[in-house]
Amino acid sequence: MKFRILANGDEESLVDLQSWLTDDPGTARLPIATVTGPGPTMGALEALDVVVGSAVDIANFALAYVTWRSVKRDEQRGSAADGEHGGQRLVHGDSTVSIGHLSSEELADLLRRLNDTRPGGADE
């Protein structure tokens, strides 16, 4: 299953997430591609496309994402940017869901449900 994490105007955060996922032992092997925008902001990072192929991939991604989000919040506690990382949105097909507030269990459950609703399941 392929899904997209949107930058929501915070490209730096998305670059950091990509680096985190690449370094995490549970997600390092997942295919992650950057999506850049055309036009005057050509080359600006707009999203990450992530592919998960199994229940283990889903669980590993959910845990890595929530851990990254928690670390970023701790680093920014008390700053003006505090809470910005709560705005990530996940896009899969026609569905767009805010994931910045979900626990790792809730995110994994969401991804499993999205995977189950697509014809062909993990093949897409």
Protein backbone atom coordinates (compact mmCIF):
# COMPACT_ATOMS: atom_id res chain seq x y z
CA MET A 1 0.00 0.00 0.00
CA LYS A 2 1.24 3.46 -0.86
CA PHE A 3 0.28 6.58 1.05
CA ARG A 4 1.48 10.18 1.16
CA ILE A 5 2.48 12.41 4.09
CA LEU A 6 1.94 16.08 3.22
CA ALA A 7 4.39 18.85 4.15
CA ASN A 8 1.64 21.34 5.00
CA GLY A 9 4.10 24.18 4.46
CA ASP A 10 6.73 22.66 6.78
CA GLU A 11 9.24 21.20 4.34
CA GLU A 12 12.02 21.14 6.94
CA SER A 13 9.93 18.90 9.16
CA LEU A 14 9.29 16.51 6.28
CA VAL A 15 13.01 16.32 5.45
CA ASP A 16 13.63 15.51 9.12
CA LEU A 17 10.94 12.81 9.07
CA GLN A 18 12.44 11.25 5.95
CA SER A 19 15.86 11.16 7.60
CA TRP A 20 14.34 9.65 10.76
CA LEU A 21 12.57 6.91 8.79
CA THR A 22 15.73 6.15 6.81
CA ASP A 23 17.76 5.79 10.03
CA ASP A 24 15.15 3.80 11.98
CA PRO A 25 15.91 0.04 11.88
CA GLY A 26 12.23 -0.82 11.48
CA THR A 27 11.59 1.52 8.54
CA ALA A 28 14.99 1.84 6.85
CA ARG A 29 14.04 -0.62 4.10
CA LEU A 30 10.68 0.98 3.28
CA PRO A 31 10.51 2.71 -0.10
CA ILE A 32 10.16 6.45 0.60
CA ALA A 33 10.08 8.93 -2.27
CA THR A 34 10.03 12.71 -2.14
CA VAL A 35 7.32 14.63 -4.00
CA THR A 36 8.31 18.10 -5.19
CA GLY A 37 6.12 20.84 -6.57
CA PRO A 38 6.12 22.44 -10.02
CA GLY A 39 5.93 26.13 -10.78
CA PRO A 40 7.58 28.96 -8.88
CA THR A 41 8.34 26.68 -5.94
CA MET A 42 9.83 23.99 -8.18
CA GLY A 43 11.96 21.69 -6.13
CA ALA A 44 10.14 22.50 -2.89
CA LEU A 45 9.33 19.35 -0.97
CA GLU A 46 5.56 18.86 -0.83
CA ALA A 47 5.18 15.31 0.44
CA LEU A 48 6.68 11.91 1.10
CA ASP A 49 5.30 8.81 -0.60
CA VAL A 50 5.67 5.78 1.65
CA VAL A 51 5.08 2.15 0.67
CA VAL A 52 4.28 -0.51 3.25
CA GLY A 53 3.81 -4.13 2.29
CA SER A 54 2.93 -5.99 5.46
CA ALA A 55 1.41 -5.66 8.91
CA VAL A 56 4.96 -5.49 10.31
CA ASP A 57 5.79 -2.58 7.97
CA ILE A 58 2.64 -0.78 9.12
CA ALA A 59 3.46 -1.28 12.81
CA ASN A 60 7.08 -0.23 12.32
CA PHE A 61 6.08 2.91 10.40
CA ALA A 62 3.47 3.88 13.00
CA LEU A 63 5.93 3.45 15.87
CA ALA A 64 8.72 5.34 14.07
CA TYR A 65 6.39 8.21 13.10
CA VAL A 66 4.96 8.65 16.60
CA THR A 67 8.44 8.44 18.16
CA TRP A 68 9.74 11.07 15.71
CA ARG A 69 6.78 13.33 16.46
CA SER A 70 7.34 13.00 20.20
CA VAL A 71 11.07 13.79 19.90
CA LYS A 72 10.33 16.86 17.74
CA ARG A 73 7.75 18.11 20.23
CA ASP A 74 10.19 17.65 23.11
CA GLU A 75 12.88 19.58 21.18
CA GLN A 76 10.48 22.45 20.53
CA ARG A 77 8.72 22.57 23.90
CA GLY A 78 8.15 26.16 24.88
CA SER A 79 9.13 27.61 21.51
CA ALA A 80 6.84 29.49 19.13
CA ALA A 81 6.88 26.46 16.83
CA ASP A 82 5.58 24.14 19.56
CA GLY A 83 2.80 21.93 18.21
CA GLU A 84 3.54 22.42 14.50
CA HIS A 85 4.20 18.72 14.08
CA GLY A 86 0.61 17.93 15.02
CA GLY A 87 -0.52 19.05 11.56
CA GLN A 88 0.71 16.23 9.36
CA ARG A 89 -1.87 14.78 7.06
CA LEU A 90 -1.85 11.35 5.45
CA VAL A 91 -3.37 10.88 2.00
CA HIS A 92 -4.40 7.49 0.62
CA GLY A 93 -6.60 7.39 -2.45
CA ASP A 94 -9.49 9.78 -1.86
CA SER A 95 -8.95 9.84 1.92
CA THR A 96 -7.05 12.59 3.76
CA VAL A 97 -6.62 12.18 7.51
CA SER A 98 -4.87 14.30 10.15
CA ILE A 99 -2.40 11.99 11.91
CA GLY A 100 -0.52 14.41 14.18
CA HIS A 101 -2.56 13.44 17.24
CA LEU A 102 -2.73 9.66 16.78
CA SER A 103 -0.93 7.16 18.99
CA SER A 104 1.16 4.49 17.27
CA GLU A 105 -1.65 1.97 17.82
CA GLU A 106 -4.26 4.32 16.34
CA LEU A 107 -2.04 5.11 13.34
CA ALA A 108 -1.29 1.44 12.72
CA ASP A 109 -5.02 0.65 12.93
CA LEU A 110 -5.81 3.46 10.48
CA LEU A 111 -3.21 2.18 8.00
CA ARG A 112 -4.49 -1.39 8.30
CA ARG A 113 -8.06 -0.22 7.65
CA LEU A 114 -6.98 1.88 4.66
CA ASN A 115 -5.04 -1.10 3.31
CA ASP A 116 -8.07 -3.36 3.71
CA THR A 117 -10.36 -0.98 1.80
CA ARG A 118 -8.26 -1.00 -1.39
CA PRO A 119 -8.71 -3.66 -4.05
CA GLY A 120 -5.62 -5.82 -3.96
CA GLY A 121 -4.69 -4.75 -0.41
CA ALA A 122 -0.92 -4.41 0.00
CA ASP A 123 -0.29 -4.55 -3.74
CA GLU A 124 -1.19 -0.91 -4.24
